[in-house]
Amino acid sequence: MNDLIGIHAYDNSIVEVPLFTLLQWRSALKLEAVGLRHSRGSVATHVRRFLKVPKSQARTWNAQALCTYLQRCIDDIDEQLGVK
């Protein structure tokens, strides 16, 4: 099942990402926020690149901030689907 979810990027454009990937990113960012790193590098850097966040904003869009943003997106999806 490859359900694509549209979320807002930094420049207010809509980017599509599979729901499963969104959930993976959130979990990996939670771990990265407490100090663990992925073997392929920083998940936060990957997500920032995907969301088109400028390098000048990288400090404010750290792993914790990205995790919070993705959690709000997931909560919004759950609300729309009537989950919870």
C-alpha atoms as a PDB file:
ATOM      1  CA  MET A   1       0.000   0.000   0.000  1.00  0.00           C
ATOM      2  CA  ASN A   2       1.587   3.235  -1.140  1.00  0.00           C
ATOM      3  CA  ASP A   3      -0.651   5.999   0.202  1.00  0.00           C
ATOM      4  CA  LEU A   4       0.922   9.354  -0.544  1.00  0.00           C
ATOM      5  CA  ILE A   5       0.334  12.138   1.933  1.00  0.00           C
ATOM      6  CA  GLY A   6       0.723  15.777   0.956  1.00  0.00           C
ATOM      7  CA  ILE A   7       2.476  17.956   3.532  1.00  0.00           C
ATOM      8  CA  HIS A   8       3.638  21.551   3.358  1.00  0.00           C
ATOM      9  CA  ALA A   9       7.308  22.169   2.638  1.00  0.00           C
ATOM     10  CA  TYR A  10       9.191  25.197   3.962  1.00  0.00           C
ATOM     11  CA  ASP A  11       8.281  27.256   0.883  1.00  0.00           C
ATOM     12  CA  ASN A  12       4.558  26.424   1.357  1.00  0.00           C
ATOM     13  CA  SER A  13       4.526  24.048  -1.608  1.00  0.00           C
ATOM     14  CA  ILE A  14       2.971  20.617  -1.173  1.00  0.00           C
ATOM     15  CA  VAL A  15       5.322  17.637  -1.203  1.00  0.00           C
ATOM     16  CA  GLU A  16       4.064  14.078  -1.254  1.00  0.00           C
ATOM     17  CA  VAL A  17       5.509  11.370   0.924  1.00  0.00           C
ATOM     18  CA  PRO A  18       4.273   7.834   1.668  1.00  0.00           C
ATOM     19  CA  LEU A  19       2.551   7.612   5.045  1.00  0.00           C
ATOM     20  CA  PHE A  20       4.889   4.844   6.187  1.00  0.00           C
ATOM     21  CA  THR A  21       7.937   7.001   5.412  1.00  0.00           C
ATOM     22  CA  LEU A  22       6.429   9.864   7.408  1.00  0.00           C
ATOM     23  CA  LEU A  23       6.051   7.538  10.399  1.00  0.00           C
ATOM     24  CA  GLN A  24       9.622   6.241   9.971  1.00  0.00           C
ATOM     25  CA  TRP A  25      11.023   9.754   9.867  1.00  0.00           C
ATOM     26  CA  ARG A  26       9.154  10.735  13.024  1.00  0.00           C
ATOM     27  CA  SER A  27      10.502   7.721  14.924  1.00  0.00           C
ATOM     28  CA  ALA A  28      14.052   8.234  13.670  1.00  0.00           C
ATOM     29  CA  LEU A  29      13.932  11.940  14.551  1.00  0.00           C
ATOM     30  CA  LYS A  30      12.793  11.121  18.090  1.00  0.00           C
ATOM     31  CA  LEU A  31      15.859   8.917  18.489  1.00  0.00           C
ATOM     32  CA  GLU A  32      18.127  11.493  16.885  1.00  0.00           C
ATOM     33  CA  ALA A  33      16.803  14.185  19.231  1.00  0.00           C
ATOM     34  CA  VAL A  34      18.110  12.187  22.202  1.00  0.00           C
ATOM     35  CA  GLY A  35      21.513  11.563  20.636  1.00  0.00           C
ATOM     36  CA  LEU A  36      21.293   8.410  18.513  1.00  0.00           C
ATOM     37  CA  ARG A  37      22.380   8.578  14.885  1.00  0.00           C
ATOM     38  CA  HIS A  38      21.327   6.606  11.829  1.00  0.00           C
ATOM     39  CA  SER A  39      24.058   4.610  10.059  1.00  0.00           C
ATOM     40  CA  ARG A  40      23.413   6.525   6.820  1.00  0.00           C
ATOM     41  CA  GLY A  41      23.811   9.941   8.398  1.00  0.00           C
ATOM     42  CA  SER A  42      21.496  12.504   9.882  1.00  0.00           C
ATOM     43  CA  VAL A  43      17.785  11.910   9.357  1.00  0.00           C
ATOM     44  CA  ALA A  44      17.138  15.563  10.205  1.00  0.00           C
ATOM     45  CA  THR A  45      19.363  16.641   7.313  1.00  0.00           C
ATOM     46  CA  HIS A  46      17.515  14.312   4.951  1.00  0.00           C
ATOM     47  CA  VAL A  47      14.095  15.561   6.072  1.00  0.00           C
ATOM     48  CA  ARG A  48      15.197  19.215   5.893  1.00  0.00           C
ATOM     49  CA  ARG A  49      16.393  18.624   2.326  1.00  0.00           C
ATOM     50  CA  PHE A  50      13.087  16.928   1.444  1.00  0.00           C
ATOM     51  CA  LEU A  51      11.084  19.810   2.951  1.00  0.00           C
ATOM     52  CA  LYS A  52      13.264  22.371   1.149  1.00  0.00           C
ATOM     53  CA  VAL A  53      14.416  24.104   4.337  1.00  0.00           C
ATOM     54  CA  PRO A  54      17.168  26.651   3.545  1.00  0.00           C
ATOM     55  CA  LYS A  55      20.570  26.017   5.125  1.00  0.00           C
ATOM     56  CA  SER A  56      20.249  29.312   6.993  1.00  0.00           C
ATOM     57  CA  GLN A  57      17.270  27.852   8.908  1.00  0.00           C
ATOM     58  CA  ALA A  58      18.913  24.522   9.778  1.00  0.00           C
ATOM     59  CA  ARG A  59      19.460  25.504  13.431  1.00  0.00           C
ATOM     60  CA  THR A  60      15.803  26.320  14.069  1.00  0.00           C
ATOM     61  CA  TRP A  61      14.661  23.206  12.178  1.00  0.00           C
ATOM     62  CA  ASN A  62      16.597  20.748  14.359  1.00  0.00           C
ATOM     63  CA  ALA A  63      15.595  17.124  14.977  1.00  0.00           C
ATOM     64  CA  GLN A  64      13.170  18.062  17.778  1.00  0.00           C
ATOM     65  CA  ALA A  65      11.439  20.778  15.739  1.00  0.00           C
ATOM     66  CA  LEU A  66      11.135  18.473  12.726  1.00  0.00           C
ATOM     67  CA  CYS A  67       9.744  15.700  14.926  1.00  0.00           C
ATOM     68  CA  THR A  68       7.135  18.111  16.313  1.00  0.00           C
ATOM     69  CA  TYR A  69       6.183  19.245  12.796  1.00  0.00           C
ATOM     70  CA  LEU A  70       5.823  15.665  11.535  1.00  0.00           C
ATOM     71  CA  GLN A  71       3.779  14.736  14.629  1.00  0.00           C
ATOM     72  CA  ARG A  72       1.375  17.613  13.893  1.00  0.00           C
ATOM     73  CA  CYS A  73       1.050  16.349  10.308  1.00  0.00           C
ATOM     74  CA  ILE A  74       0.343  12.809  11.539  1.00  0.00           C
ATOM     75  CA  ASP A  75      -2.188  14.103  14.094  1.00  0.00           C
ATOM     76  CA  ASP A  76      -3.919  16.048  11.321  1.00  0.00           C
ATOM     77  CA  ILE A  77      -4.081  12.906   9.161  1.00  0.00           C
ATOM     78  CA  ASP A  78      -5.497  10.914  12.087  1.00  0.00           C
ATOM     79  CA  GLU A  79      -8.132  13.606  12.665  1.00  0.00           C
ATOM     80  CA  GLN A  80      -9.142  13.585   8.999  1.00  0.00           C
ATOM     81  CA  LEU A  81      -9.415   9.797   9.005  1.00  0.00           C
ATOM     82  CA  GLY A  82     -11.368   9.758  12.262  1.00  0.00           C
ATOM     83  CA  VAL A  83      -8.712   7.782  14.140  1.00  0.00           C
ATOM     84  CA  LYS A  84      -8.379   8.277  17.928  1.00  0.00           C
END
